[in-house]
Structure formats: structure tokens, C-alpha cells
């Protein structure tokens, strides 16, 4: 499952896009310091927009830790959606790409790394991933929600995180909207995929 994603878009552009969608992004802790990041990994701090109870179209832009400690201390960085309603503590996770990893089709005995694939949104520079947040022994933290993989991701993994279309953002921030009405696959072809590790540069392809 996704344990690595990317955000290289500046906060000013993100706030402007929220405003265009009539979503108020409050900053109760001040403007987050969000340097461009090629790789955001478990336990890293990263920006999210969390829901505000009782206020539709409003979110709080804050920096929080990705993953909270689960059983035996293992980080909970992904969370299954099946059978759950998520009636509070919803969050939009800001990203401009996420990564999946696959075994190389031809083994590389001297290189144990997996092939790395970058997924980006075809029609937008950045997007939001459906998530939730909670209090934890490590402080407030967030996790990405998952479901069975749709057509764009299934060639690489049987599960996927859930990128949301822009018209879904306000509904995900509103816990009165049933989760099943928001959490679904993007239309086929919405995500574009590029191999970023595992093949010589001349062989890297955009699928």
C-alpha cells in the first residue's frame, strides 16, 4: 500500500484553489511551513485540511504527523474503509503525487529495491487524498483511507488510497455526507503513471 507520496506545490496556490471552490481554509496555528517534498513517508509531518464540526465548506489547514502508533507500535498509515462511516475527524491530505512499488519483472540480484511508480492527477497539478485524523500517544496524526484498487491502480497493487475529485472535497469535509457517497474510484484514465525507478532513463515510460 501507499507509504510514500509527494507534495511540491506551494501553500499559496493550494489556498487559492480552495478559495476558488468556495472552501474556507482556516489556519488556526498560522501558515504551515511546507517545503517542497519529493518523498513524504510515515511519521513525517505534512499538511492536511481537517473538517470543522458543524461548518460545511470550512476546513483547518494544519501540519500533522502521517501515521499513529498501532498494535505493537506499527504505524497506522493506511486504514480500510470497508464497513466504516467516518462520522467525524475527516481530513483532506494534500498531494501532487503518490507512489506504489512492484517487484521488478527481471530480478536484479545486486539491487534489492523495488520498481517505483509515480501516480499523478491527469487534469490538475495537485489533489487531495481522503483521510482521517485522531489523537494518539504521538499527538494528532492522520492516515490515508484505502479501498480495493480501481482500473488505474490495479495493475500495480490490489488496494489503493482514494484521490478525490475537486467537487468531492467539500463533501468529504462534511461528516453528515455518507462516506459511501464520496469514497469511490476516479474515472478510468484520471491518473497518469510514470516509472521513476527500476528502468534506465531511456526506458522510462508514461503509461
C-alpha atoms as a PDB file:
ATOM      1  CA  UNK A   1       0.000   0.000   0.000  1.00  0.00           C
ATOM      2  CA  UNK A   2       0.985   3.629  -0.322  1.00  0.00           C
ATOM      3  CA  UNK A   3       3.736   4.509   2.148  1.00  0.00           C
ATOM      4  CA  UNK A   4       5.286   7.366   0.182  1.00  0.00           C
ATOM      5  CA  UNK A   5       3.787  10.423  -1.503  1.00  0.00           C
ATOM      6  CA  UNK A   6       4.842  13.817  -2.830  1.00  0.00           C
ATOM      7  CA  UNK A   7       3.944  17.481  -2.421  1.00  0.00           C
ATOM      8  CA  UNK A   8       5.850  20.187  -4.284  1.00  0.00           C
ATOM      9  CA  UNK A   9       3.058  22.761  -4.694  1.00  0.00           C
ATOM     10  CA  UNK A  10       3.283  25.909  -2.561  1.00  0.00           C
ATOM     11  CA  UNK A  11       0.680  26.642   0.117  1.00  0.00           C
ATOM     12  CA  UNK A  12      -0.385  29.931  -1.505  1.00  0.00           C
ATOM     13  CA  UNK A  13      -1.512  28.074  -4.638  1.00  0.00           C
ATOM     14  CA  UNK A  14      -3.300  25.477  -2.540  1.00  0.00           C
ATOM     15  CA  UNK A  15      -5.202  28.111  -0.548  1.00  0.00           C
ATOM     16  CA  UNK A  16      -6.150  29.923  -3.751  1.00  0.00           C
ATOM     17  CA  UNK A  17      -7.589  26.712  -5.231  1.00  0.00           C
ATOM     18  CA  UNK A  18      -9.637  26.106  -2.085  1.00  0.00           C
ATOM     19  CA  UNK A  19     -10.993  29.641  -2.289  1.00  0.00           C
ATOM     20  CA  UNK A  20     -11.992  29.099  -5.938  1.00  0.00           C
ATOM     21  CA  UNK A  21     -14.003  26.088  -4.760  1.00  0.00           C
ATOM     22  CA  UNK A  22     -15.684  28.167  -2.009  1.00  0.00           C
ATOM     23  CA  UNK A  23     -13.912  26.214   0.744  1.00  0.00           C
ATOM     24  CA  UNK A  24     -12.572  28.334   3.602  1.00  0.00           C
ATOM     25  CA  UNK A  25      -9.196  27.083   4.789  1.00  0.00           C
ATOM     26  CA  UNK A  26      -8.536  28.487   8.236  1.00  0.00           C
ATOM     27  CA  UNK A  27      -5.029  28.349   9.691  1.00  0.00           C
ATOM     28  CA  UNK A  28      -5.505  28.131  13.475  1.00  0.00           C
ATOM     29  CA  UNK A  29      -1.786  27.525  14.019  1.00  0.00           C
ATOM     30  CA  UNK A  30      -0.550  30.017  11.450  1.00  0.00           C
ATOM     31  CA  UNK A  31       0.539  29.357   7.893  1.00  0.00           C
ATOM     32  CA  UNK A  32       2.121  25.891   7.774  1.00  0.00           C
ATOM     33  CA  UNK A  33       5.747  25.678   6.756  1.00  0.00           C
ATOM     34  CA  UNK A  34       5.546  23.278   3.808  1.00  0.00           C
ATOM     35  CA  UNK A  35       8.818  22.914   1.873  1.00  0.00           C
ATOM     36  CA  UNK A  36       8.683  21.091  -1.453  1.00  0.00           C
ATOM     37  CA  UNK A  37       8.963  17.374  -0.764  1.00  0.00           C
ATOM     38  CA  UNK A  38       9.729  14.617  -3.258  1.00  0.00           C
ATOM     39  CA  UNK A  39       9.054  11.960  -0.640  1.00  0.00           C
ATOM     40  CA  UNK A  40       6.757  12.174   2.388  1.00  0.00           C
ATOM     41  CA  UNK A  41       6.933   8.995   4.453  1.00  0.00           C
ATOM     42  CA  UNK A  42       5.376   7.501   7.555  1.00  0.00           C
ATOM     43  CA  UNK A  43       5.875   9.602  10.733  1.00  0.00           C
ATOM     44  CA  UNK A  44       6.772  12.716   8.670  1.00  0.00           C
ATOM     45  CA  UNK A  45       4.884  15.941   9.303  1.00  0.00           C
ATOM     46  CA  UNK A  46       2.742  17.066   6.379  1.00  0.00           C
ATOM     47  CA  UNK A  47      -0.206  19.415   5.704  1.00  0.00           C
ATOM     48  CA  UNK A  48      -3.834  18.316   5.876  1.00  0.00           C
ATOM     49  CA  UNK A  49      -7.158  20.131   5.874  1.00  0.00           C
ATOM     50  CA  UNK A  50      -9.299  18.709   8.668  1.00  0.00           C
ATOM     51  CA  UNK A  51     -13.050  19.016   8.974  1.00  0.00           C
ATOM     52  CA  UNK A  52     -14.665  21.524  11.333  1.00  0.00           C
ATOM     53  CA  UNK A  53     -17.659  20.086  13.149  1.00  0.00           C
ATOM     54  CA  UNK A  54     -20.921  21.760  12.203  1.00  0.00           C
ATOM     55  CA  UNK A  55     -19.438  24.005   9.498  1.00  0.00           C
ATOM     56  CA  UNK A  56     -19.832  22.888   5.908  1.00  0.00           C
ATOM     57  CA  UNK A  57     -17.338  24.314   3.444  1.00  0.00           C
ATOM     58  CA  UNK A  58     -14.780  25.070   6.152  1.00  0.00           C
ATOM     59  CA  UNK A  59     -11.537  23.278   6.954  1.00  0.00           C
ATOM     60  CA  UNK A  60      -8.474  23.843   9.110  1.00  0.00           C
ATOM     61  CA  UNK A  61      -5.107  23.744   7.377  1.00  0.00           C
ATOM     62  CA  UNK A  62      -2.553  22.273   9.787  1.00  0.00           C
ATOM     63  CA  UNK A  63       0.647  20.232   9.788  1.00  0.00           C
ATOM     64  CA  UNK A  64       0.288  16.780  11.336  1.00  0.00           C
ATOM     65  CA  UNK A  65       2.163  13.509  11.570  1.00  0.00           C
ATOM     66  CA  UNK A  66       1.441  10.847   8.975  1.00  0.00           C
ATOM     67  CA  UNK A  67       0.525   7.657  10.906  1.00  0.00           C
ATOM     68  CA  UNK A  68      -0.180   6.976  14.530  1.00  0.00           C
ATOM     69  CA  UNK A  69       1.252   4.074  16.568  1.00  0.00           C
ATOM     70  CA  UNK A  70      -0.889   0.965  16.261  1.00  0.00           C
ATOM     71  CA  UNK A  71      -0.649  -2.501  17.786  1.00  0.00           C
ATOM     72  CA  UNK A  72       2.889  -3.420  18.740  1.00  0.00           C
ATOM     73  CA  UNK A  73       3.985   0.079  17.734  1.00  0.00           C
ATOM     74  CA  UNK A  74       3.486  -0.439  13.997  1.00  0.00           C
ATOM     75  CA  UNK A  75       2.463   2.814  12.268  1.00  0.00           C
ATOM     76  CA  UNK A  76      -1.116   3.054  11.026  1.00  0.00           C
ATOM     77  CA  UNK A  77      -0.519   4.866   7.754  1.00  0.00           C
ATOM     78  CA  UNK A  78      -3.374   3.274   5.763  1.00  0.00           C
ATOM     79  CA  UNK A  79      -6.884   2.489   7.045  1.00  0.00           C
ATOM     80  CA  UNK A  80      -9.550   0.323   5.406  1.00  0.00           C
ATOM     81  CA  UNK A  81     -12.863   1.949   4.509  1.00  0.00           C
ATOM     82  CA  UNK A  82     -14.990  -1.188   4.286  1.00  0.00           C
ATOM     83  CA  UNK A  83     -17.875  -1.143   6.769  1.00  0.00           C
ATOM     84  CA  UNK A  84     -16.984   2.260   8.215  1.00  0.00           C
ATOM     85  CA  UNK A  85     -18.852   5.574   8.105  1.00  0.00           C
ATOM     86  CA  UNK A  86     -16.259   8.117   9.345  1.00  0.00           C
ATOM     87  CA  UNK A  87     -18.789  10.411  11.005  1.00  0.00           C
ATOM     88  CA  UNK A  88     -16.091  12.698  12.424  1.00  0.00           C
ATOM     89  CA  UNK A  89     -12.390  13.567  12.129  1.00  0.00           C
ATOM     90  CA  UNK A  90     -12.255  13.572   8.336  1.00  0.00           C
ATOM     91  CA  UNK A  91      -9.308  15.117   6.535  1.00  0.00           C
ATOM     92  CA  UNK A  92      -8.070  16.041   3.089  1.00  0.00           C
ATOM     93  CA  UNK A  93      -4.430  15.081   2.599  1.00  0.00           C
ATOM     94  CA  UNK A  94      -2.634  17.428   0.200  1.00  0.00           C
ATOM     95  CA  UNK A  95      -0.508  15.800  -2.507  1.00  0.00           C
ATOM     96  CA  UNK A  96       0.639  16.169  -6.079  1.00  0.00           C
ATOM     97  CA  UNK A  97       1.611  12.518  -6.483  1.00  0.00           C
ATOM     98  CA  UNK A  98       1.783   9.184  -4.693  1.00  0.00           C
ATOM     99  CA  UNK A  99       3.974   6.146  -5.165  1.00  0.00           C
ATOM    100  CA  UNK A 100       3.446   2.411  -5.471  1.00  0.00           C
ATOM    101  CA  UNK A 101       6.148  -0.246  -5.620  1.00  0.00           C
ATOM    102  CA  UNK A 102       6.272  -3.509  -7.570  1.00  0.00           C
ATOM    103  CA  UNK A 103       8.687  -6.400  -7.922  1.00  0.00           C
ATOM    104  CA  UNK A 104      10.916  -5.955 -10.974  1.00  0.00           C
ATOM    105  CA  UNK A 105       9.887  -8.198 -13.880  1.00  0.00           C
ATOM    106  CA  UNK A 106      13.555  -9.217 -14.233  1.00  0.00           C
ATOM    107  CA  UNK A 107      15.343  -9.810 -10.880  1.00  0.00           C
ATOM    108  CA  UNK A 108      18.268  -7.529 -10.115  1.00  0.00           C
ATOM    109  CA  UNK A 109      20.489  -9.608  -7.804  1.00  0.00           C
ATOM    110  CA  UNK A 110      22.727  -6.690  -6.866  1.00  0.00           C
ATOM    111  CA  UNK A 111      19.827  -4.273  -6.372  1.00  0.00           C
ATOM    112  CA  UNK A 112      17.135  -5.262  -3.873  1.00  0.00           C
ATOM    113  CA  UNK A 113      14.994  -2.166  -4.439  1.00  0.00           C
ATOM    114  CA  UNK A 114      11.538  -2.471  -5.949  1.00  0.00           C
ATOM    115  CA  UNK A 115      10.356  -0.704  -9.083  1.00  0.00           C
ATOM    116  CA  UNK A 116       8.843   2.662  -8.126  1.00  0.00           C
ATOM    117  CA  UNK A 117       5.837   4.221  -9.870  1.00  0.00           C
ATOM    118  CA  UNK A 118       4.555   7.778  -9.543  1.00  0.00           C
ATOM    119  CA  UNK A 119       0.805   8.417  -9.875  1.00  0.00           C
ATOM    120  CA  UNK A 120      -0.331  11.960 -10.644  1.00  0.00           C
ATOM    121  CA  UNK A 121      -3.687  13.518 -11.498  1.00  0.00           C
ATOM    122  CA  UNK A 122      -4.078  13.943 -15.224  1.00  0.00           C
ATOM    123  CA  UNK A 123      -6.001  17.237 -15.165  1.00  0.00           C
ATOM    124  CA  UNK A 124      -4.626  19.014 -12.063  1.00  0.00           C
ATOM    125  CA  UNK A 125      -1.235  19.937 -10.621  1.00  0.00           C
ATOM    126  CA  UNK A 126      -2.247  18.703  -7.178  1.00  0.00           C
ATOM    127  CA  UNK A 127      -5.114  16.891  -5.482  1.00  0.00           C
ATOM    128  CA  UNK A 128      -6.476  15.667  -2.160  1.00  0.00           C
ATOM    129  CA  UNK A 129      -6.468  12.141  -0.751  1.00  0.00           C
ATOM    130  CA  UNK A 130      -9.265  11.031   1.584  1.00  0.00           C
ATOM    131  CA  UNK A 131      -8.045  10.616   5.146  1.00  0.00           C
ATOM    132  CA  UNK A 132      -8.947  10.769   8.808  1.00  0.00           C
ATOM    133  CA  UNK A 133      -7.127  12.122  11.834  1.00  0.00           C
ATOM    134  CA  UNK A 134      -7.147  11.319  15.526  1.00  0.00           C
ATOM    135  CA  UNK A 135      -5.422  11.918  18.814  1.00  0.00           C
ATOM    136  CA  UNK A 136      -2.696   9.419  19.604  1.00  0.00           C
ATOM    137  CA  UNK A 137       0.212   8.910  22.032  1.00  0.00           C
ATOM    138  CA  UNK A 138       2.329  10.599  19.358  1.00  0.00           C
ATOM    139  CA  UNK A 139      -0.037  13.598  19.185  1.00  0.00           C
ATOM    140  CA  UNK A 140      -2.585  14.332  16.481  1.00  0.00           C
ATOM    141  CA  UNK A 141      -1.900  12.245  13.399  1.00  0.00           C
ATOM    142  CA  UNK A 142      -3.564  11.308  10.128  1.00  0.00           C
ATOM    143  CA  UNK A 143      -3.866   8.243   7.936  1.00  0.00           C
ATOM    144  CA  UNK A 144      -4.915   7.579   4.343  1.00  0.00           C
ATOM    145  CA  UNK A 145      -8.093   5.641   3.614  1.00  0.00           C
ATOM    146  CA  UNK A 146      -7.978   2.640   1.290  1.00  0.00           C
ATOM    147  CA  UNK A 147     -10.277   0.520  -0.850  1.00  0.00           C
ATOM    148  CA  UNK A 148      -9.960  -2.214  -3.469  1.00  0.00           C
ATOM    149  CA  UNK A 149      -7.936  -0.925  -6.407  1.00  0.00           C
ATOM    150  CA  UNK A 150      -9.684   0.663  -9.363  1.00  0.00           C
ATOM    151  CA  UNK A 151      -8.651   0.394 -13.020  1.00  0.00           C
ATOM    152  CA  UNK A 152      -5.779   2.890 -12.888  1.00  0.00           C
ATOM    153  CA  UNK A 153      -4.067   1.304  -9.866  1.00  0.00           C
ATOM    154  CA  UNK A 154      -4.946  -2.407 -10.097  1.00  0.00           C
ATOM    155  CA  UNK A 155      -2.062  -3.245 -12.485  1.00  0.00           C
ATOM    156  CA  UNK A 156       0.301  -2.198  -9.658  1.00  0.00           C
ATOM    157  CA  UNK A 157      -1.497  -3.131  -6.407  1.00  0.00           C
ATOM    158  CA  UNK A 158      -4.727  -4.817  -5.294  1.00  0.00           C
ATOM    159  CA  UNK A 159      -5.542  -1.964  -2.868  1.00  0.00           C
ATOM    160  CA  UNK A 160      -5.363   1.795  -3.314  1.00  0.00           C
ATOM    161  CA  UNK A 161      -5.634   5.078  -1.480  1.00  0.00           C
ATOM    162  CA  UNK A 162      -8.502   7.345  -2.560  1.00  0.00           C
ATOM    163  CA  UNK A 163      -7.734  10.535  -4.511  1.00  0.00           C
ATOM    164  CA  UNK A 164     -10.811  12.750  -4.651  1.00  0.00           C
ATOM    165  CA  UNK A 165     -12.131  14.890  -7.481  1.00  0.00           C
ATOM    166  CA  UNK A 166     -12.363  18.575  -6.629  1.00  0.00           C
ATOM    167  CA  UNK A 167     -16.141  18.515  -6.404  1.00  0.00           C
ATOM    168  CA  UNK A 168     -15.848  15.840  -3.689  1.00  0.00           C
ATOM    169  CA  UNK A 169     -13.659  17.847  -1.320  1.00  0.00           C
ATOM    170  CA  UNK A 170     -16.424  19.825   0.357  1.00  0.00           C
ATOM    171  CA  UNK A 171     -18.493  16.652   0.844  1.00  0.00           C
ATOM    172  CA  UNK A 172     -15.621  14.778   2.448  1.00  0.00           C
ATOM    173  CA  UNK A 173     -15.114  17.659   4.901  1.00  0.00           C
ATOM    174  CA  UNK A 174     -18.820  17.347   5.831  1.00  0.00           C
ATOM    175  CA  UNK A 175     -19.277  14.250   8.041  1.00  0.00           C
ATOM    176  CA  UNK A 176     -23.059  14.381   7.524  1.00  0.00           C
ATOM    177  CA  UNK A 177     -22.477  13.255   3.924  1.00  0.00           C
ATOM    178  CA  UNK A 178     -22.313   9.417   3.949  1.00  0.00           C
ATOM    179  CA  UNK A 179     -18.833   8.129   3.249  1.00  0.00           C
ATOM    180  CA  UNK A 180     -20.095   5.720   0.588  1.00  0.00           C
ATOM    181  CA  UNK A 181     -21.307   8.692  -1.470  1.00  0.00           C
ATOM    182  CA  UNK A 182     -17.793  10.147  -1.609  1.00  0.00           C
ATOM    183  CA  UNK A 183     -15.312   7.277  -1.467  1.00  0.00           C
ATOM    184  CA  UNK A 184     -15.125   5.742  -4.916  1.00  0.00           C
ATOM    185  CA  UNK A 185     -12.711   5.228  -7.766  1.00  0.00           C
ATOM    186  CA  UNK A 186     -11.822   8.055 -10.085  1.00  0.00           C
ATOM    187  CA  UNK A 187     -12.989   7.597 -13.668  1.00  0.00           C
ATOM    188  CA  UNK A 188     -10.603   5.368 -15.595  1.00  0.00           C
ATOM    189  CA  UNK A 189      -7.743   7.368 -17.073  1.00  0.00           C
ATOM    190  CA  UNK A 190      -7.813  10.088 -14.367  1.00  0.00           C
ATOM    191  CA  UNK A 191      -4.404   9.044 -13.040  1.00  0.00           C
ATOM    192  CA  UNK A 192      -1.258   9.007 -15.114  1.00  0.00           C
ATOM    193  CA  UNK A 193       1.634   6.760 -14.156  1.00  0.00           C
ATOM    194  CA  UNK A 194       5.370   7.144 -14.674  1.00  0.00           C
ATOM    195  CA  UNK A 195       8.140   4.742 -13.717  1.00  0.00           C
ATOM    196  CA  UNK A 196      10.643   6.687 -11.628  1.00  0.00           C
ATOM    197  CA  UNK A 197      12.920   3.847 -10.583  1.00  0.00           C
ATOM    198  CA  UNK A 198      13.708   0.433 -11.985  1.00  0.00           C
ATOM    199  CA  UNK A 199      14.475   1.078 -15.649  1.00  0.00           C
ATOM    200  CA  UNK A 200      17.211   3.035 -17.451  1.00  0.00           C
ATOM    201  CA  UNK A 201      16.098   6.616 -18.239  1.00  0.00           C
ATOM    202  CA  UNK A 202      15.677   5.776 -21.946  1.00  0.00           C
ATOM    203  CA  UNK A 203      13.153   3.077 -20.987  1.00  0.00           C
ATOM    204  CA  UNK A 204      11.056   5.110 -18.541  1.00  0.00           C
ATOM    205  CA  UNK A 205       7.578   5.482 -19.910  1.00  0.00           C
ATOM    206  CA  UNK A 206       4.396   7.399 -19.250  1.00  0.00           C
ATOM    207  CA  UNK A 207       1.540   4.908 -19.217  1.00  0.00           C
END
